[in-house]
Structure formats: C-alpha cells, structure tokens
Amino acid sequence: MTNRIRPDRNLAMELARVTEAAALAAGRWIGRGDKIAADQAAVDAMRHMIDSVSMDGVVVIGEGEKDEAPML
C-alpha cells in the first residue's frame, strides 16, 4: 500500500482562479472593438496569477493558428 501525502491546497481551484482573472481582465474590453488589447489584458492577468501558484511543472498552452497570438 502506497502512503500518499495529501496536498494542503487544491491546485485545480488555484488554476480556476487564473482562468477567472484572465476572463475578468478581457471582459473589461467587451464592446471596445480592440481584440488585441483584450487578448493582452487576459495574458497579463493570467501570467500575474499563475506566478502566485506554487507548483513545479511546465505550462503548455496556445491558441494555435487561429489568432496567431505569440504571447500565448
């Protein structure tokens, strides 16, 4: 039987907060007609929040060719 140590936090909730921050930041740009600024606001918020998550790993994300968003 393996003795697993239970984490003292919920990584899924912390990452959900990262997503929430990105959505809220992009939402401020709704109706302004500036998709690039909305994308940048979301990326900035996501990077700021993910820096606060204590984890050891590699984050792999991206939109692909749709918007050609190099910041993602």
PDB file of N, CA and C in Angstrom:
ATOM      1  N   MET A   1       0.837  -1.175   0.000  1.00  0.00           N
ATOM      2  CA  MET A   1       0.000   0.000   0.000  1.00  0.00           C
ATOM      3  C   MET A   1       0.888   1.246   0.000  1.00  0.00           C
ATOM      4  N   THR A   2       0.595   2.151  -0.887  1.00  0.00           N
ATOM      5  CA  THR A   2       1.370   3.376  -1.003  1.00  0.00           C
ATOM      6  C   THR A   2       0.838   4.424  -0.046  1.00  0.00           C
ATOM      7  N   ASN A   3       1.754   5.058   0.677  1.00  0.00           N
ATOM      8  CA  ASN A   3       1.365   6.120   1.601  1.00  0.00           C
ATOM      9  C   ASN A   3       1.498   7.455   0.871  1.00  0.00           C
ATOM     10  N   ARG A   4       0.377   7.987   0.423  1.00  0.00           N
ATOM     11  CA  ARG A   4       0.402   9.247  -0.319  1.00  0.00           C
ATOM     12  C   ARG A   4       0.181  10.410   0.629  1.00  0.00           C
ATOM     13  N   ILE A   5       0.943  11.461   0.411  1.00  0.00           N
ATOM     14  CA  ILE A   5       0.787  12.672   1.206  1.00  0.00           C
ATOM     15  C   ILE A   5      -0.284  13.518   0.542  1.00  0.00           C
ATOM     16  N   ARG A   6      -1.271  13.931   1.315  1.00  0.00           N
ATOM     17  CA  ARG A   6      -2.350  14.749   0.779  1.00  0.00           C
ATOM     18  C   ARG A   6      -1.887  16.196   0.668  1.00  0.00           C
ATOM     19  N   PRO A   7      -2.135  16.816  -0.453  1.00  0.00           N
ATOM     20  CA  PRO A   7      -1.750  18.223  -0.601  1.00  0.00           C
ATOM     21  C   PRO A   7      -2.565  19.112   0.325  1.00  0.00           C
ATOM     22  N   ASP A   8      -1.970  20.224   0.733  1.00  0.00           N
ATOM     23  CA  ASP A   8      -2.653  21.143   1.635  1.00  0.00           C
ATOM     24  C   ASP A   8      -3.425  22.213   0.872  1.00  0.00           C
ATOM     25  N   ARG A   9      -3.585  22.025  -0.406  1.00  0.00           N
ATOM     26  CA  ARG A   9      -4.296  23.005  -1.224  1.00  0.00           C
ATOM     27  C   ARG A   9      -4.958  22.288  -2.391  1.00  0.00           C
ATOM     28  N   ASN A  10      -5.729  23.024  -3.138  1.00  0.00           N
ATOM     29  CA  ASN A  10      -6.397  22.449  -4.288  1.00  0.00           C
ATOM     30  C   ASN A  10      -5.875  23.142  -5.545  1.00  0.00           C
ATOM     31  N   LEU A  11      -4.984  22.482  -6.244  1.00  0.00           N
ATOM     32  CA  LEU A  11      -4.362  23.058  -7.432  1.00  0.00           C
ATOM     33  C   LEU A  11      -5.412  23.425  -8.478  1.00  0.00           C
ATOM     34  N   ALA A  12      -6.432  22.598  -8.611  1.00  0.00           N
ATOM     35  CA  ALA A  12      -7.472  22.884  -9.598  1.00  0.00           C
ATOM     36  C   ALA A  12      -8.158  24.215  -9.308  1.00  0.00           C
ATOM     37  N   MET A  13      -8.418  24.511  -8.052  1.00  0.00           N
ATOM     38  CA  MET A  13      -9.057  25.782  -7.698  1.00  0.00           C
ATOM     39  C   MET A  13      -8.125  26.954  -7.965  1.00  0.00           C
ATOM     40  N   GLU A  14      -6.850  26.781  -7.688  1.00  0.00           N
ATOM     41  CA  GLU A  14      -5.896  27.858  -7.954  1.00  0.00           C
ATOM     42  C   GLU A  14      -5.814  28.148  -9.451  1.00  0.00           C
ATOM     43  N   LEU A  15      -5.834  27.109 -10.261  1.00  0.00           N
ATOM     44  CA  LEU A  15      -5.789  27.310 -11.706  1.00  0.00           C
ATOM     45  C   LEU A  15      -7.111  27.871 -12.230  1.00  0.00           C
ATOM     46  N   ALA A  16      -8.213  27.530 -11.588  1.00  0.00           N
ATOM     47  CA  ALA A  16      -9.501  28.135 -11.960  1.00  0.00           C
ATOM     48  C   ALA A  16      -9.468  29.636 -11.695  1.00  0.00           C
ATOM     49  N   ARG A  17      -8.807  30.038 -10.624  1.00  0.00           N
ATOM     50  CA  ARG A  17      -8.673  31.469 -10.325  1.00  0.00           C
ATOM     51  C   ARG A  17      -7.823  32.181 -11.382  1.00  0.00           C
ATOM     52  N   VAL A  18      -6.848  31.480 -11.917  1.00  0.00           N
ATOM     53  CA  VAL A  18      -6.037  32.038 -13.007  1.00  0.00           C
ATOM     54  C   VAL A  18      -6.936  32.307 -14.216  1.00  0.00           C
ATOM     55  N   THR A  19      -7.760  31.328 -14.555  1.00  0.00           N
ATOM     56  CA  THR A  19      -8.684  31.470 -15.679  1.00  0.00           C
ATOM     57  C   THR A  19      -9.677  32.594 -15.430  1.00  0.00           C
ATOM     58  N   GLU A  20     -10.180  32.661 -14.206  1.00  0.00           N
ATOM     59  CA  GLU A  20     -11.137  33.710 -13.843  1.00  0.00           C
ATOM     60  C   GLU A  20     -10.518  35.101 -14.009  1.00  0.00           C
ATOM     61  N   ALA A  21      -9.300  35.267 -13.559  1.00  0.00           N
ATOM     62  CA  ALA A  21      -8.629  36.566 -13.672  1.00  0.00           C
ATOM     63  C   ALA A  21      -8.460  36.966 -15.136  1.00  0.00           C
ATOM     64  N   ALA A  22      -8.111  36.007 -15.977  1.00  0.00           N
ATOM     65  CA  ALA A  22      -7.955  36.293 -17.408  1.00  0.00           C
ATOM     66  C   ALA A  22      -9.288  36.702 -18.027  1.00  0.00           C
ATOM     67  N   ALA A  23     -10.349  35.997 -17.666  1.00  0.00           N
ATOM     68  CA  ALA A  23     -11.673  36.318 -18.206  1.00  0.00           C
ATOM     69  C   ALA A  23     -12.140  37.700 -17.756  1.00  0.00           C
ATOM     70  N   LEU A  24     -11.929  38.017 -16.496  1.00  0.00           N
ATOM     71  CA  LEU A  24     -12.339  39.330 -15.986  1.00  0.00           C
ATOM     72  C   LEU A  24     -11.560  40.456 -16.658  1.00  0.00           C
ATOM     73  N   ALA A  25     -10.273  40.238 -16.855  1.00  0.00           N
ATOM     74  CA  ALA A  25      -9.450  41.265 -17.500  1.00  0.00           C
ATOM     75  C   ALA A  25      -9.879  41.478 -18.950  1.00  0.00           C
ATOM     76  N   ALA A  26     -10.146  40.399 -19.668  1.00  0.00           N
ATOM     77  CA  ALA A  26     -10.584  40.514 -21.062  1.00  0.00           C
ATOM     78  C   ALA A  26     -11.982  41.110 -21.139  1.00  0.00           C
ATOM     79  N   GLY A  27     -12.806  40.795 -20.159  1.00  0.00           N
ATOM     80  CA  GLY A  27     -14.180  41.293 -20.141  1.00  0.00           C
ATOM     81  C   GLY A  27     -14.283  42.804 -20.098  1.00  0.00           C
ATOM     82  N   ARG A  28     -13.290  43.433 -19.544  1.00  0.00           N
ATOM     83  CA  ARG A  28     -13.289  44.900 -19.488  1.00  0.00           C
ATOM     84  C   ARG A  28     -13.192  45.522 -20.879  1.00  0.00           C
ATOM     85  N   TRP A  29     -12.805  44.724 -21.853  1.00  0.00           N
ATOM     86  CA  TRP A  29     -12.628  45.222 -23.220  1.00  0.00           C
ATOM     87  C   TRP A  29     -13.825  44.924 -24.122  1.00  0.00           C
ATOM     88  N   ILE A  30     -14.843  44.268 -23.594  1.00  0.00           N
ATOM     89  CA  ILE A  30     -16.023  43.933 -24.401  1.00  0.00           C
ATOM     90  C   ILE A  30     -16.656  45.208 -24.942  1.00  0.00           C
ATOM     91  N   GLY A  31     -16.942  45.207 -26.225  1.00  0.00           N
ATOM     92  CA  GLY A  31     -17.604  46.337 -26.859  1.00  0.00           C
ATOM     93  C   GLY A  31     -16.690  47.470 -27.280  1.00  0.00           C
ATOM     94  N   ARG A  32     -15.412  47.338 -27.033  1.00  0.00           N
ATOM     95  CA  ARG A  32     -14.485  48.415 -27.394  1.00  0.00           C
ATOM     96  C   ARG A  32     -13.845  48.215 -28.764  1.00  0.00           C
ATOM     97  N   GLY A  33     -14.045  47.044 -29.341  1.00  0.00           N
ATOM     98  CA  GLY A  33     -13.519  46.790 -30.675  1.00  0.00           C
ATOM     99  C   GLY A  33     -12.014  46.638 -30.752  1.00  0.00           C
ATOM    100  N   ASP A  34     -11.391  46.249 -29.648  1.00  0.00           N
ATOM    101  CA  ASP A  34      -9.931  46.100 -29.645  1.00  0.00           C
ATOM    102  C   ASP A  34      -9.564  44.714 -29.123  1.00  0.00           C
ATOM    103  N   LYS A  35      -9.672  43.719 -30.016  1.00  0.00           N
ATOM    104  CA  LYS A  35      -9.411  42.333 -29.632  1.00  0.00           C
ATOM    105  C   LYS A  35      -7.974  42.128 -29.155  1.00  0.00           C
ATOM    106  N   ILE A  36      -7.044  42.830 -29.765  1.00  0.00           N
ATOM    107  CA  ILE A  36      -5.638  42.679 -29.373  1.00  0.00           C
ATOM    108  C   ILE A  36      -5.436  43.134 -27.929  1.00  0.00           C
ATOM    109  N   ALA A  37      -6.033  44.252 -27.559  1.00  0.00           N
ATOM    110  CA  ALA A  37      -5.912  44.734 -26.177  1.00  0.00           C
ATOM    111  C   ALA A  37      -6.596  43.777 -25.211  1.00  0.00           C
ATOM    112  N   ALA A  38      -7.727  43.200 -25.620  1.00  0.00           N
ATOM    113  CA  ALA A  38      -8.425  42.231 -24.773  1.00  0.00           C
ATOM    114  C   ALA A  38      -7.559  40.997 -24.553  1.00  0.00           C
ATOM    115  N   ASP A  39      -6.951  40.501 -25.638  1.00  0.00           N
ATOM    116  CA  ASP A  39      -6.051  39.349 -25.519  1.00  0.00           C
ATOM    117  C   ASP A  39      -4.878  39.666 -24.598  1.00  0.00           C
ATOM    118  N   GLN A  40      -4.294  40.844 -24.764  1.00  0.00           N
ATOM    119  CA  GLN A  40      -3.133  41.220 -23.949  1.00  0.00           C
ATOM    120  C   GLN A  40      -3.510  41.350 -22.482  1.00  0.00           C
ATOM    121  N   ALA A  41      -4.675  41.929 -22.207  1.00  0.00           N
ATOM    122  CA  ALA A  41      -5.133  42.063 -20.820  1.00  0.00           C
ATOM    123  C   ALA A  41      -5.310  40.687 -20.187  1.00  0.00           C
ATOM    124  N   ALA A  42      -5.875  39.755 -20.946  1.00  0.00           N
ATOM    125  CA  ALA A  42      -6.068  38.396 -20.437  1.00  0.00           C
ATOM    126  C   ALA A  42      -4.731  37.714 -20.172  1.00  0.00           C
ATOM    127  N   VAL A  43      -3.802  37.856 -21.094  1.00  0.00           N
ATOM    128  CA  VAL A  43      -2.478  37.242 -20.936  1.00  0.00           C
ATOM    129  C   VAL A  43      -1.749  37.830 -19.731  1.00  0.00           C
ATOM    130  N   ASP A  44      -1.795  39.143 -19.586  1.00  0.00           N
ATOM    131  CA  ASP A  44      -1.124  39.789 -18.450  1.00  0.00           C
ATOM    132  C   ASP A  44      -1.704  39.310 -17.127  1.00  0.00           C
ATOM    133  N   ALA A  45      -3.031  39.238 -17.050  1.00  0.00           N
ATOM    134  CA  ALA A  45      -3.682  38.779 -15.817  1.00  0.00           C
ATOM    135  C   ALA A  45      -3.344  37.321 -15.537  1.00  0.00           C
ATOM    136  N   MET A  46      -3.350  36.508 -16.585  1.00  0.00           N
ATOM    137  CA  MET A  46      -3.048  35.088 -16.416  1.00  0.00           C
ATOM    138  C   MET A  46      -1.617  34.891 -15.919  1.00  0.00           C
ATOM    139  N   ARG A  47      -0.687  35.603 -16.517  1.00  0.00           N
ATOM    140  CA  ARG A  47       0.717  35.464 -16.092  1.00  0.00           C
ATOM    141  C   ARG A  47       0.910  35.923 -14.648  1.00  0.00           C
ATOM    142  N   HIS A  48       0.258  37.023 -14.290  1.00  0.00           N
ATOM    143  CA  HIS A  48       0.370  37.534 -12.922  1.00  0.00           C
ATOM    144  C   HIS A  48      -0.172  36.513 -11.923  1.00  0.00           C
ATOM    145  N   MET A  49      -1.329  35.949 -12.212  1.00  0.00           N
ATOM    146  CA  MET A  49      -1.943  34.998 -11.286  1.00  0.00           C
ATOM    147  C   MET A  49      -1.192  33.668 -11.244  1.00  0.00           C
ATOM    148  N   ILE A  50      -0.730  33.203 -12.379  1.00  0.00           N
ATOM    149  CA  ILE A  50      -0.056  31.899 -12.386  1.00  0.00           C
ATOM    150  C   ILE A  50       1.280  31.977 -11.657  1.00  0.00           C
ATOM    151  N   ASP A  51       1.869  33.176 -11.619  1.00  0.00           N
ATOM    152  CA  ASP A  51       3.101  33.357 -10.847  1.00  0.00           C
ATOM    153  C   ASP A  51       2.864  33.163  -9.355  1.00  0.00           C
ATOM    154  N   SER A  52       1.626  33.319  -8.907  1.00  0.00           N
ATOM    155  CA  SER A  52       1.319  33.167  -7.484  1.00  0.00           C
ATOM    156  C   SER A  52       1.030  31.716  -7.104  1.00  0.00           C
ATOM    157  N   VAL A  53       0.916  30.832  -8.094  1.00  0.00           N
ATOM    158  CA  VAL A  53       0.618  29.423  -7.832  1.00  0.00           C
ATOM    159  C   VAL A  53       1.928  28.684  -7.587  1.00  0.00           C
ATOM    160  N   SER A  54       2.017  28.061  -6.428  1.00  0.00           N
ATOM    161  CA  SER A  54       3.218  27.310  -6.084  1.00  0.00           C
ATOM    162  C   SER A  54       3.131  25.927  -6.721  1.00  0.00           C
ATOM    163  N   MET A  55       3.877  25.758  -7.801  1.00  0.00           N
ATOM    164  CA  MET A  55       3.875  24.466  -8.482  1.00  0.00           C
ATOM    165  C   MET A  55       5.194  24.304  -9.213  1.00  0.00           C
ATOM    166  N   ASP A  56       5.507  23.073  -9.509  1.00  0.00           N
ATOM    167  CA  ASP A  56       6.709  22.753 -10.252  1.00  0.00           C
ATOM    168  C   ASP A  56       6.267  21.980 -11.481  1.00  0.00           C
ATOM    169  N   GLY A  57       6.347  22.619 -12.628  1.00  0.00           N
ATOM    170  CA  GLY A  57       5.889  21.956 -13.835  1.00  0.00           C
ATOM    171  C   GLY A  57       6.090  22.838 -15.039  1.00  0.00           C
ATOM    172  N   VAL A  58       5.616  22.359 -16.144  1.00  0.00           N
ATOM    173  CA  VAL A  58       5.702  23.090 -17.397  1.00  0.00           C
ATOM    174  C   VAL A  58       4.282  23.411 -17.842  1.00  0.00           C
ATOM    175  N   VAL A  59       4.038  24.679 -18.126  1.00  0.00           N
ATOM    176  CA  VAL A  59       2.731  25.095 -18.618  1.00  0.00           C
ATOM    177  C   VAL A  59       2.791  25.111 -20.133  1.00  0.00           C
ATOM    178  N   VAL A  60       1.895  24.371 -20.769  1.00  0.00           N
ATOM    179  CA  VAL A  60       1.844  24.291 -22.221  1.00  0.00           C
ATOM    180  C   VAL A  60       0.464  24.758 -22.653  1.00  0.00           C
ATOM    181  N   ILE A  61       0.424  25.941 -23.300  1.00  0.00           N
ATOM    182  CA  ILE A  61      -0.847  26.476 -23.778  1.00  0.00           C
ATOM    183  C   ILE A  61      -0.646  27.065 -25.153  1.00  0.00           C
ATOM    184  N   GLY A  62      -1.713  27.411 -25.771  1.00  0.00           N
ATOM    185  CA  GLY A  62      -1.619  28.098 -27.044  1.00  0.00           C
ATOM    186  C   GLY A  62      -2.918  28.023 -27.810  1.00  0.00           C
ATOM    187  N   GLU A  63      -3.149  29.012 -28.642  1.00  0.00           N
ATOM    188  CA  GLU A  63      -4.355  29.054 -29.453  1.00  0.00           C
ATOM    189  C   GLU A  63      -4.167  28.361 -30.787  1.00  0.00           C
ATOM    190  N   GLY A  64      -2.961  28.089 -31.149  1.00  0.00           N
ATOM    191  CA  GLY A  64      -2.732  27.534 -32.468  1.00  0.00           C
ATOM    192  C   GLY A  64      -2.714  28.636 -33.507  1.00  0.00           C
ATOM    193  N   GLU A  65      -3.148  28.320 -34.694  1.00  0.00           N
ATOM    194  CA  GLU A  65      -3.058  29.267 -35.802  1.00  0.00           C
ATOM    195  C   GLU A  65      -4.223  30.243 -35.858  1.00  0.00           C
ATOM    196  N   LYS A  66      -5.283  30.023 -35.101  1.00  0.00           N
ATOM    197  CA  LYS A  66      -6.493  30.837 -35.204  1.00  0.00           C
ATOM    198  C   LYS A  66      -6.204  32.334 -35.171  1.00  0.00           C
ATOM    199  N   ASP A  67      -5.604  32.796 -34.104  1.00  0.00           N
ATOM    200  CA  ASP A  67      -5.339  34.221 -33.948  1.00  0.00           C
ATOM    201  C   ASP A  67      -3.866  34.573 -34.043  1.00  0.00           C
ATOM    202  N   GLU A  68      -3.035  33.564 -34.211  1.00  0.00           N
ATOM    203  CA  GLU A  68      -1.592  33.789 -34.252  1.00  0.00           C
ATOM    204  C   GLU A  68      -1.147  34.670 -33.093  1.00  0.00           C
ATOM    205  N   ALA A  69      -1.498  34.245 -31.880  1.00  0.00           N
ATOM    206  CA  ALA A  69      -1.201  35.016 -30.675  1.00  0.00           C
ATOM    207  C   ALA A  69       0.107  34.530 -30.066  1.00  0.00           C
ATOM    208  N   PRO A  70       1.238  35.158 -30.401  1.00  0.00           N
ATOM    209  CA  PRO A  70       2.531  34.683 -29.899  1.00  0.00           C
ATOM    210  C   PRO A  70       2.671  34.799 -28.389  1.00  0.00           C
ATOM    211  N   MET A  71       1.880  35.699 -27.753  1.00  0.00           N
ATOM    212  CA  MET A  71       2.001  35.857 -26.311  1.00  0.00           C
ATOM    213  C   MET A  71       1.449  34.654 -25.565  1.00  0.00           C
ATOM    214  N   LEU A  72       0.680  33.815 -26.255  1.00  0.00           N
ATOM    215  CA  LEU A  72       0.184  32.598 -25.636  1.00  0.00           C
ATOM    216  C   LEU A  72       1.111  31.463 -25.983  1.00  0.00           C
TER     217      LEU A  72
END
